[in-house]
Amino acid sequence: MDAGSCNGCEIENAAAFRPVYDAEAYGPRLVAPPWHADMALLTGPVTRNMGQPLRRTEAAMAEPRLVIAVGDCAPAVHPYQARAARRRVSGTGITPGWR
């Protein structure tokens, strides 16, 4: 789920599924509809405007739900002064970094 990021994290995620690293060989798959997903990666600053769409996407996912906020934008207030992802999406894990 892209909440308005700079696309740095999306480039890293896409690279993991390219032939060089081939993450799909180890089990994970990229799927578009949330009802087919077991886990969602959240990138970008989670602003007030993105709160409701993110909650709807999370609600469409099957149980058990797992949302992981990656990068510097989603889990933290820095750099865009957005609110933390934990306040916007309920089942969130945090993976900081990816600068």
PDB file of N, CA and C in Angstrom:
ATOM      1  N   MET A   1       0.854  -1.161   0.000  1.00  0.00           N
ATOM      2  CA  MET A   1       0.000   0.000   0.000  1.00  0.00           C
ATOM      3  C   MET A   1       0.898   1.222   0.000  1.00  0.00           C
ATOM      4  N   ASP A   2       0.731   2.063  -0.969  1.00  0.00           N
ATOM      5  CA  ASP A   2       1.523   3.285  -1.075  1.00  0.00           C
ATOM      6  C   ASP A   2       0.690   4.433  -0.540  1.00  0.00           C
ATOM      7  N   ALA A   3       1.165   5.048   0.531  1.00  0.00           N
ATOM      8  CA  ALA A   3       0.431   6.158   1.147  1.00  0.00           C
ATOM      9  C   ALA A   3       1.023   7.501   0.744  1.00  0.00           C
ATOM     10  N   GLY A   4       1.676   7.565  -0.409  1.00  0.00           N
ATOM     11  CA  GLY A   4       2.233   8.814  -0.886  1.00  0.00           C
ATOM     12  C   GLY A   4       3.733   8.923  -0.701  1.00  0.00           C
ATOM     13  N   SER A   5       4.426   7.835  -0.903  1.00  0.00           N
ATOM     14  CA  SER A   5       5.873   7.839  -0.670  1.00  0.00           C
ATOM     15  C   SER A   5       6.617   8.425  -1.859  1.00  0.00           C
ATOM     16  N   CYS A   6       7.928   8.485  -1.724  1.00  0.00           N
ATOM     17  CA  CYS A   6       8.796   8.992  -2.794  1.00  0.00           C
ATOM     18  C   CYS A   6       9.127   7.894  -3.803  1.00  0.00           C
ATOM     19  N   ASN A   7       8.580   6.710  -3.639  1.00  0.00           N
ATOM     20  CA  ASN A   7       8.776   5.519  -4.478  1.00  0.00           C
ATOM     21  C   ASN A   7      10.107   4.823  -4.255  1.00  0.00           C
ATOM     22  N   GLY A   8      10.886   5.254  -3.281  1.00  0.00           N
ATOM     23  CA  GLY A   8      12.134   4.568  -2.966  1.00  0.00           C
ATOM     24  C   GLY A   8      11.893   3.158  -2.467  1.00  0.00           C
ATOM     25  N   CYS A   9      10.924   2.996  -1.571  1.00  0.00           N
ATOM     26  CA  CYS A   9      10.614   1.670  -1.029  1.00  0.00           C
ATOM     27  C   CYS A   9       9.996   0.768  -2.093  1.00  0.00           C
ATOM     28  N   GLU A  10       9.178   1.327  -2.979  1.00  0.00           N
ATOM     29  CA  GLU A  10       8.567   0.520  -4.038  1.00  0.00           C
ATOM     30  C   GLU A  10       9.624  -0.014  -4.988  1.00  0.00           C
ATOM     31  N   ILE A  11      10.662   0.795  -5.263  1.00  0.00           N
ATOM     32  CA  ILE A  11      11.746   0.340  -6.135  1.00  0.00           C
ATOM     33  C   ILE A  11      12.479  -0.828  -5.480  1.00  0.00           C
ATOM     34  N   GLU A  12      12.723  -0.719  -4.175  1.00  0.00           N
ATOM     35  CA  GLU A  12      13.385  -1.814  -3.455  1.00  0.00           C
ATOM     36  C   GLU A  12      12.514  -3.068  -3.443  1.00  0.00           C
ATOM     37  N   ASN A  13      11.212  -2.913  -3.205  1.00  0.00           N
ATOM     38  CA  ASN A  13      10.307  -4.071  -3.197  1.00  0.00           C
ATOM     39  C   ASN A  13      10.242  -4.735  -4.562  1.00  0.00           C
ATOM     40  N   ALA A  14      10.146  -3.932  -5.615  1.00  0.00           N
ATOM     41  CA  ALA A  14      10.085  -4.485  -6.965  1.00  0.00           C
ATOM     42  C   ALA A  14      11.384  -5.197  -7.318  1.00  0.00           C
ATOM     43  N   ALA A  15      12.507  -4.659  -6.886  1.00  0.00           N
ATOM     44  CA  ALA A  15      13.801  -5.285  -7.181  1.00  0.00           C
ATOM     45  C   ALA A  15      13.916  -6.655  -6.522  1.00  0.00           C
ATOM     46  N   ALA A  16      13.297  -6.818  -5.371  1.00  0.00           N
ATOM     47  CA  ALA A  16      13.357  -8.107  -4.674  1.00  0.00           C
ATOM     48  C   ALA A  16      12.652  -9.211  -5.456  1.00  0.00           C
ATOM     49  N   PHE A  17      11.713  -8.853  -6.317  1.00  0.00           N
ATOM     50  CA  PHE A  17      10.961  -9.849  -7.081  1.00  0.00           C
ATOM     51  C   PHE A  17      11.449  -9.989  -8.517  1.00  0.00           C
ATOM     52  N   ARG A  18      12.504  -9.289  -8.865  1.00  0.00           N
ATOM     53  CA  ARG A  18      13.090  -9.411 -10.198  1.00  0.00           C
ATOM     54  C   ARG A  18      13.962 -10.667 -10.250  1.00  0.00           C
ATOM     55  N   PRO A  19      14.385 -11.091 -11.447  1.00  0.00           N
ATOM     56  CA  PRO A  19      15.131 -12.351 -11.579  1.00  0.00           C
ATOM     57  C   PRO A  19      16.428 -12.433 -10.776  1.00  0.00           C
ATOM     58  N   VAL A  20      17.062 -11.315 -10.480  1.00  0.00           N
ATOM     59  CA  VAL A  20      18.339 -11.367  -9.760  1.00  0.00           C
ATOM     60  C   VAL A  20      18.152 -11.929  -8.350  1.00  0.00           C
ATOM     61  N   TYR A  21      17.152 -11.424  -7.619  1.00  0.00           N
ATOM     62  CA  TYR A  21      16.922 -11.881  -6.247  1.00  0.00           C
ATOM     63  C   TYR A  21      15.823 -12.935  -6.154  1.00  0.00           C
ATOM     64  N   ASP A  22      14.821 -12.863  -7.015  1.00  0.00           N
ATOM     65  CA  ASP A  22      13.757 -13.858  -7.148  1.00  0.00           C
ATOM     66  C   ASP A  22      13.136 -14.272  -5.810  1.00  0.00           C
ATOM     67  N   ALA A  23      12.538 -13.315  -5.122  1.00  0.00           N
ATOM     68  CA  ALA A  23      11.909 -13.590  -3.828  1.00  0.00           C
ATOM     69  C   ALA A  23      10.743 -14.570  -3.947  1.00  0.00           C
ATOM     70  N   GLU A  24      10.104 -14.646  -5.113  1.00  0.00           N
ATOM     71  CA  GLU A  24       8.984 -15.577  -5.290  1.00  0.00           C
ATOM     72  C   GLU A  24       9.410 -17.029  -5.160  1.00  0.00           C
ATOM     73  N   ALA A  25      10.677 -17.312  -5.369  1.00  0.00           N
ATOM     74  CA  ALA A  25      11.165 -18.682  -5.213  1.00  0.00           C
ATOM     75  C   ALA A  25      11.095 -19.134  -3.756  1.00  0.00           C
ATOM     76  N   TYR A  26      11.015 -18.178  -2.820  1.00  0.00           N
ATOM     77  CA  TYR A  26      10.964 -18.494  -1.394  1.00  0.00           C
ATOM     78  C   TYR A  26       9.567 -18.404  -0.805  1.00  0.00           C
ATOM     79  N   GLY A  27       8.560 -18.136  -1.640  1.00  0.00           N
ATOM     80  CA  GLY A  27       7.188 -18.171  -1.153  1.00  0.00           C
ATOM     81  C   GLY A  27       6.360 -16.915  -1.326  1.00  0.00           C
ATOM     82  N   PRO A  28       6.865 -15.713  -1.052  1.00  0.00           N
ATOM     83  CA  PRO A  28       5.997 -14.535  -1.166  1.00  0.00           C
ATOM     84  C   PRO A  28       5.641 -14.228  -2.614  1.00  0.00           C
ATOM     85  N   ARG A  29       4.420 -13.716  -2.806  1.00  0.00           N
ATOM     86  CA  ARG A  29       3.954 -13.295  -4.131  1.00  0.00           C
ATOM     87  C   ARG A  29       3.337 -11.927  -4.030  1.00  0.00           C
ATOM     88  N   LEU A  30       3.468 -11.136  -5.062  1.00  0.00           N
ATOM     89  CA  LEU A  30       2.808  -9.832  -5.120  1.00  0.00           C
ATOM     90  C   LEU A  30       1.429 -10.023  -5.736  1.00  0.00           C
ATOM     91  N   VAL A  31       0.397  -9.567  -5.033  1.00  0.00           N
ATOM     92  CA  VAL A  31      -0.971  -9.648  -5.537  1.00  0.00           C
ATOM     93  C   VAL A  31      -1.597  -8.264  -5.456  1.00  0.00           C
ATOM     94  N   ALA A  32      -2.492  -7.967  -6.369  1.00  0.00           N
ATOM     95  CA  ALA A  32      -3.108  -6.645  -6.398  1.00  0.00           C
ATOM     96  C   ALA A  32      -4.297  -6.506  -5.445  1.00  0.00           C
ATOM     97  N   PRO A  33      -5.286  -7.410  -5.482  1.00  0.00           N
ATOM     98  CA  PRO A  33      -6.446  -7.214  -4.610  1.00  0.00           C
ATOM     99  C   PRO A  33      -6.126  -7.575  -3.153  1.00  0.00           C
ATOM    100  N   PRO A  34      -6.592  -6.780  -2.209  1.00  0.00           N
ATOM    101  CA  PRO A  34      -6.274  -7.046  -0.804  1.00  0.00           C
ATOM    102  C   PRO A  34      -6.878  -8.338  -0.271  1.00  0.00           C
ATOM    103  N   TRP A  35      -7.966  -8.834  -0.843  1.00  0.00           N
ATOM    104  CA  TRP A  35      -8.582 -10.051  -0.318  1.00  0.00           C
ATOM    105  C   TRP A  35      -7.749 -11.296  -0.650  1.00  0.00           C
ATOM    106  N   HIS A  36      -6.753 -11.179  -1.518  1.00  0.00           N
ATOM    107  CA  HIS A  36      -5.843 -12.285  -1.806  1.00  0.00           C
ATOM    108  C   HIS A  36      -4.552 -12.190  -0.995  1.00  0.00           C
ATOM    109  N   ALA A  37      -4.375 -11.108  -0.254  1.00  0.00           N
ATOM    110  CA  ALA A  37      -3.112 -10.861   0.447  1.00  0.00           C
ATOM    111  C   ALA A  37      -3.143 -11.398   1.880  1.00  0.00           C
ATOM    112  N   ASP A  38      -2.028 -11.946   2.309  1.00  0.00           N
ATOM    113  CA  ASP A  38      -1.848 -12.354   3.698  1.00  0.00           C
ATOM    114  C   ASP A  38      -1.170 -11.255   4.506  1.00  0.00           C
ATOM    115  N   MET A  39      -0.428 -10.393   3.802  1.00  0.00           N
ATOM    116  CA  MET A  39       0.323  -9.334   4.452  1.00  0.00           C
ATOM    117  C   MET A  39       0.373  -8.137   3.510  1.00  0.00           C
ATOM    118  N   ALA A  40       0.406  -6.946   4.079  1.00  0.00           N
ATOM    119  CA  ALA A  40       0.521  -5.728   3.285  1.00  0.00           C
ATOM    120  C   ALA A  40       1.733  -4.940   3.747  1.00  0.00           C
ATOM    121  N   LEU A  41       2.474  -4.408   2.791  1.00  0.00           N
ATOM    122  CA  LEU A  41       3.581  -3.510   3.095  1.00  0.00           C
ATOM    123  C   LEU A  41       3.083  -2.090   2.919  1.00  0.00           C
ATOM    124  N   LEU A  42       3.271  -1.285   3.927  1.00  0.00           N
ATOM    125  CA  LEU A  42       2.822   0.103   3.911  1.00  0.00           C
ATOM    126  C   LEU A  42       4.025   1.001   3.726  1.00  0.00           C
ATOM    127  N   THR A  43       4.010   1.821   2.683  1.00  0.00           N
ATOM    128  CA  THR A  43       5.101   2.753   2.424  1.00  0.00           C
ATOM    129  C   THR A  43       4.548   4.162   2.327  1.00  0.00           C
ATOM    130  N   GLY A  44       5.347   5.119   2.695  1.00  0.00           N
ATOM    131  CA  GLY A  44       4.953   6.517   2.595  1.00  0.00           C
ATOM    132  C   GLY A  44       4.358   7.052   3.874  1.00  0.00           C
ATOM    133  N   PRO A  45       4.301   8.368   3.986  1.00  0.00           N
ATOM    134  CA  PRO A  45       3.744   8.994   5.185  1.00  0.00           C
ATOM    135  C   PRO A  45       2.233   8.792   5.249  1.00  0.00           C
ATOM    136  N   VAL A  46       1.744   8.322   6.362  1.00  0.00           N
ATOM    137  CA  VAL A  46       0.320   8.057   6.504  1.00  0.00           C
ATOM    138  C   VAL A  46      -0.347   9.331   7.003  1.00  0.00           C
ATOM    139  N   THR A  47      -0.939  10.070   6.087  1.00  0.00           N
ATOM    140  CA  THR A  47      -1.579  11.339   6.429  1.00  0.00           C
ATOM    141  C   THR A  47      -3.040  11.117   6.782  1.00  0.00           C
ATOM    142  N   ARG A  48      -3.687  12.184   7.217  1.00  0.00           N
ATOM    143  CA  ARG A  48      -5.106  12.111   7.570  1.00  0.00           C
ATOM    144  C   ARG A  48      -5.943  11.651   6.388  1.00  0.00           C
ATOM    145  N   ASN A  49      -5.615  12.118   5.187  1.00  0.00           N
ATOM    146  CA  ASN A  49      -6.396  11.757   4.005  1.00  0.00           C
ATOM    147  C   ASN A  49      -6.263  10.284   3.636  1.00  0.00           C
ATOM    148  N   MET A  50      -5.156   9.663   3.975  1.00  0.00           N
ATOM    149  CA  MET A  50      -4.938   8.259   3.635  1.00  0.00           C
ATOM    150  C   MET A  50      -5.430   7.300   4.712  1.00  0.00           C
ATOM    151  N   GLY A  51      -5.817   7.801   5.870  1.00  0.00           N
ATOM    152  CA  GLY A  51      -6.252   6.944   6.964  1.00  0.00           C
ATOM    153  C   GLY A  51      -7.430   6.060   6.612  1.00  0.00           C
ATOM    154  N   GLN A  52      -8.484   6.635   6.083  1.00  0.00           N
ATOM    155  CA  GLN A  52      -9.692   5.874   5.746  1.00  0.00           C
ATOM    156  C   GLN A  52      -9.454   4.863   4.625  1.00  0.00           C
ATOM    157  N   PRO A  53      -8.806   5.235   3.504  1.00  0.00           N
ATOM    158  CA  PRO A  53      -8.535   4.212   2.481  1.00  0.00           C
ATOM    159  C   PRO A  53      -7.670   3.065   2.985  1.00  0.00           C
ATOM    160  N   LEU A  54      -6.724   3.360   3.862  1.00  0.00           N
ATOM    161  CA  LEU A  54      -5.885   2.291   4.407  1.00  0.00           C
ATOM    162  C   LEU A  54      -6.685   1.370   5.318  1.00  0.00           C
ATOM    163  N   ARG A  55      -7.588   1.936   6.110  1.00  0.00           N
ATOM    164  CA  ARG A  55      -8.435   1.100   6.967  1.00  0.00           C
ATOM    165  C   ARG A  55      -9.362   0.221   6.124  1.00  0.00           C
ATOM    166  N   ARG A  56      -9.886   0.746   5.022  1.00  0.00           N
ATOM    167  CA  ARG A  56     -10.738  -0.052   4.135  1.00  0.00           C
ATOM    168  C   ARG A  56      -9.957  -1.189   3.485  1.00  0.00           C
ATOM    169  N   THR A  57      -8.738  -0.888   3.066  1.00  0.00           N
ATOM    170  CA  THR A  57      -7.899  -1.926   2.469  1.00  0.00           C
ATOM    171  C   THR A  57      -7.581  -3.001   3.479  1.00  0.00           C
ATOM    172  N   GLU A  58      -7.259  -2.602   4.706  1.00  0.00           N
ATOM    173  CA  GLU A  58      -6.974  -3.570   5.755  1.00  0.00           C
ATOM    174  C   GLU A  58      -8.208  -4.411   6.077  1.00  0.00           C
ATOM    175  N   ALA A  59      -9.375  -3.794   6.078  1.00  0.00           N
ATOM    176  CA  ALA A  59     -10.616  -4.526   6.367  1.00  0.00           C
ATOM    177  C   ALA A  59     -10.934  -5.548   5.278  1.00  0.00           C
ATOM    178  N   ALA A  60     -10.492  -5.289   4.042  1.00  0.00           N
ATOM    179  CA  ALA A  60     -10.749  -6.214   2.938  1.00  0.00           C
ATOM    180  C   ALA A  60      -9.829  -7.427   2.978  1.00  0.00           C
ATOM    181  N   MET A  61      -8.761  -7.354   3.751  1.00  0.00           N
ATOM    182  CA  MET A  61      -7.821  -8.478   3.845  1.00  0.00           C
ATOM    183  C   MET A  61      -8.417  -9.579   4.704  1.00  0.00           C
ATOM    184  N   ALA A  62      -8.042 -10.827   4.394  1.00  0.00           N
ATOM    185  CA  ALA A  62      -8.513 -11.963   5.173  1.00  0.00           C
ATOM    186  C   ALA A  62      -7.804 -12.018   6.518  1.00  0.00           C
ATOM    187  N   GLU A  63      -8.444 -12.656   7.485  1.00  0.00           N
ATOM    188  CA  GLU A  63      -7.832 -12.858   8.807  1.00  0.00           C
ATOM    189  C   GLU A  63      -6.826 -13.990   8.717  1.00  0.00           C
ATOM    190  N   PRO A  64      -5.750 -14.017   9.435  1.00  0.00           N
ATOM    191  CA  PRO A  64      -5.188 -12.947  10.243  1.00  0.00           C
ATOM    192  C   PRO A  64      -4.510 -11.916   9.352  1.00  0.00           C
ATOM    193  N   ARG A  65      -4.635 -10.671   9.722  1.00  0.00           N
ATOM    194  CA  ARG A  65      -4.082  -9.561   8.953  1.00  0.00           C
ATOM    195  C   ARG A  65      -2.727  -9.153   9.501  1.00  0.00           C
ATOM    196  N   LEU A  66      -1.852  -8.777   8.593  1.00  0.00           N
ATOM    197  CA  LEU A  66      -0.566  -8.246   9.004  1.00  0.00           C
ATOM    198  C   LEU A  66      -0.219  -7.085   8.092  1.00  0.00           C
ATOM    199  N   VAL A  67       0.000  -5.931   8.668  1.00  0.00           N
ATOM    200  CA  VAL A  67       0.423  -4.750   7.927  1.00  0.00           C
ATOM    201  C   VAL A  67       1.776  -4.346   8.480  1.00  0.00           C
ATOM    202  N   ILE A  68       2.766  -4.254   7.600  1.00  0.00           N
ATOM    203  CA  ILE A  68       4.105  -3.874   8.024  1.00  0.00           C
ATOM    204  C   ILE A  68       4.455  -2.540   7.377  1.00  0.00           C
ATOM    205  N   ALA A  69       4.777  -1.562   8.215  1.00  0.00           N
ATOM    206  CA  ALA A  69       5.195  -0.242   7.736  1.00  0.00           C
ATOM    207  C   ALA A  69       6.699  -0.279   7.515  1.00  0.00           C
ATOM    208  N   VAL A  70       7.123   0.000   6.289  1.00  0.00           N
ATOM    209  CA  VAL A  70       8.546  -0.051   5.956  1.00  0.00           C
ATOM    210  C   VAL A  70       9.051   1.335   5.574  1.00  0.00           C
ATOM    211  N   GLY A  71      10.348   1.510   5.705  1.00  0.00           N
ATOM    212  CA  GLY A  71      10.978   2.765   5.347  1.00  0.00           C
ATOM    213  C   GLY A  71      11.012   3.744   6.503  1.00  0.00           C
ATOM    214  N   ASP A  72      11.348   4.977   6.192  1.00  0.00           N
ATOM    215  CA  ASP A  72      11.392   6.028   7.207  1.00  0.00           C
ATOM    216  C   ASP A  72      10.096   6.820   7.270  1.00  0.00           C
ATOM    217  N   CYS A  73       9.341   6.864   6.196  1.00  0.00           N
ATOM    218  CA  CYS A  73       8.150   7.718   6.141  1.00  0.00           C
ATOM    219  C   CYS A  73       6.961   7.132   6.892  1.00  0.00           C
ATOM    220  N   ALA A  74       6.667   5.866   6.676  1.00  0.00           N
ATOM    221  CA  ALA A  74       5.448   5.278   7.236  1.00  0.00           C
ATOM    222  C   ALA A  74       5.472   5.131   8.754  1.00  0.00           C
ATOM    223  N   PRO A  75       6.532   4.582   9.355  1.00  0.00           N
ATOM    224  CA  PRO A  75       6.467   4.371  10.800  1.00  0.00           C
ATOM    225  C   PRO A  75       6.748   5.591  11.642  1.00  0.00           C
ATOM    226  N   ALA A  76       7.313   6.627  11.077  1.00  0.00           N
ATOM    227  CA  ALA A  76       7.749   7.764  11.891  1.00  0.00           C
ATOM    228  C   ALA A  76       7.102   9.058  11.456  1.00  0.00           C
ATOM    229  N   VAL A  77       7.235  10.058  12.257  1.00  0.00           N
ATOM    230  CA  VAL A  77       6.726  11.389  11.927  1.00  0.00           C
ATOM    231  C   VAL A  77       7.633  12.054  10.903  1.00  0.00           C
ATOM    232  N   HIS A  78       8.923  11.820  10.971  1.00  0.00           N
ATOM    233  CA  HIS A  78       9.896  12.398  10.049  1.00  0.00           C
ATOM    234  C   HIS A  78       9.794  11.688   8.716  1.00  0.00           C
ATOM    235  N   PRO A  79       9.972  12.274   7.559  1.00  0.00           N
ATOM    236  CA  PRO A  79      10.367  13.640   7.281  1.00  0.00           C
ATOM    237  C   PRO A  79       9.211  14.552   6.904  1.00  0.00           C
ATOM    238  N   TYR A  80       8.005  14.037   6.751  1.00  0.00           N
ATOM    239  CA  TYR A  80       6.903  14.846   6.230  1.00  0.00           C
ATOM    240  C   TYR A  80       5.933  15.326   7.299  1.00  0.00           C
ATOM    241  N   GLN A  81       6.253  15.156   8.557  1.00  0.00           N
ATOM    242  CA  GLN A  81       5.396  15.562   9.666  1.00  0.00           C
ATOM    243  C   GLN A  81       4.016  14.914   9.600  1.00  0.00           C
ATOM    244  N   ALA A  82       3.957  13.706   9.076  1.00  0.00           N
ATOM    245  CA  ALA A  82       2.695  12.959   9.054  1.00  0.00           C
ATOM    246  C   ALA A  82       2.542  12.213  10.373  1.00  0.00           C
ATOM    247  N   ARG A  83       1.341  11.797  10.674  1.00  0.00           N
ATOM    248  CA  ARG A  83       1.126  11.016  11.900  1.00  0.00           C
ATOM    249  C   ARG A  83       1.646   9.605  11.731  1.00  0.00           C
ATOM    250  N   ALA A  84       1.936   8.960  12.838  1.00  0.00           N
ATOM    251  CA  ALA A  84       2.512   7.609  12.789  1.00  0.00           C
ATOM    252  C   ALA A  84       1.501   6.618  12.233  1.00  0.00           C
ATOM    253  N   ALA A  85       2.013   5.573  11.575  1.00  0.00           N
ATOM    254  CA  ALA A  85       1.157   4.576  10.944  1.00  0.00           C
ATOM    255  C   ALA A  85       0.343   3.804  11.967  1.00  0.00           C
ATOM    256  N   ARG A  86       0.837   3.654  13.167  1.00  0.00           N
ATOM    257  CA  ARG A  86       0.107   2.884  14.182  1.00  0.00           C
ATOM    258  C   ARG A  86      -1.227   3.521  14.539  1.00  0.00           C
ATOM    259  N   ARG A  87      -1.332   4.817  14.388  1.00  0.00           N
ATOM    260  CA  ARG A  87      -2.594   5.492  14.692  1.00  0.00           C
ATOM    261  C   ARG A  87      -3.609   5.319  13.570  1.00  0.00           C
ATOM    262  N   ARG A  88      -3.147   5.009  12.372  1.00  0.00           N
ATOM    263  CA  ARG A  88      -4.027   4.932  11.209  1.00  0.00           C
ATOM    264  C   ARG A  88      -4.463   3.515  10.867  1.00  0.00           C
ATOM    265  N   VAL A  89      -3.574   2.541  11.053  1.00  0.00           N
ATOM    266  CA  VAL A  89      -3.868   1.163  10.690  1.00  0.00           C
ATOM    267  C   VAL A  89      -3.649   0.306  11.926  1.00  0.00           C
ATOM    268  N   SER A  90      -4.556  -0.622  12.203  1.00  0.00           N
ATOM    269  CA  SER A  90      -4.538  -1.325  13.482  1.00  0.00           C
ATOM    270  C   SER A  90      -3.411  -2.337  13.633  1.00  0.00           C
ATOM    271  N   GLY A  91      -3.254  -3.294  12.744  1.00  0.00           N
ATOM    272  CA  GLY A  91      -2.281  -4.365  12.945  1.00  0.00           C
ATOM    273  C   GLY A  91      -0.941  -4.094  12.312  1.00  0.00           C
ATOM    274  N   THR A  92      -0.233  -3.090  12.797  1.00  0.00           N
ATOM    275  CA  THR A  92       0.961  -2.651  12.109  1.00  0.00           C
ATOM    276  C   THR A  92       2.233  -3.084  12.822  1.00  0.00           C
ATOM    277  N   GLY A  93       3.144  -3.672  12.072  1.00  0.00           N
ATOM    278  CA  GLY A  93       4.504  -3.920  12.531  1.00  0.00           C
ATOM    279  C   GLY A  93       5.407  -2.878  11.902  1.00  0.00           C
ATOM    280  N   ILE A  94       6.551  -2.647  12.460  1.00  0.00           N
ATOM    281  CA  ILE A  94       7.431  -1.578  11.994  1.00  0.00           C
ATOM    282  C   ILE A  94       8.773  -2.165  11.549  1.00  0.00           C
ATOM    283  N   THR A  95       9.225  -1.776  10.351  1.00  0.00           N
ATOM    284  CA  THR A  95      10.559  -2.094   9.874  1.00  0.00           C
ATOM    285  C   THR A  95      11.217  -0.770   9.478  1.00  0.00           C
ATOM    286  N   PRO A  96      11.970  -0.154  10.402  1.00  0.00           N
ATOM    287  CA  PRO A  96      12.563   1.151  10.099  1.00  0.00           C
ATOM    288  C   PRO A  96      13.732   1.036   9.138  1.00  0.00           C
ATOM    289  N   GLY A  97      14.128   2.181   8.591  1.00  0.00           N
ATOM    290  CA  GLY A  97      15.305   2.216   7.749  1.00  0.00           C
ATOM    291  C   GLY A  97      14.977   2.451   6.296  1.00  0.00           C
ATOM    292  N   TRP A  98      15.664   1.762   5.408  1.00  0.00           N
ATOM    293  CA  TRP A  98      15.514   1.864   3.963  1.00  0.00           C
ATOM    294  C   TRP A  98      15.797   3.260   3.473  1.00  0.00           C
ATOM    295  N   ARG A  99      16.880   3.853   3.910  1.00  0.00           N
ATOM    296  CA  ARG A  99      17.232   5.198   3.414  1.00  0.00           C
ATOM    297  C   ARG A  99      18.021   5.098   2.153  1.00  0.00           C
TER     298      ARG A  99
END
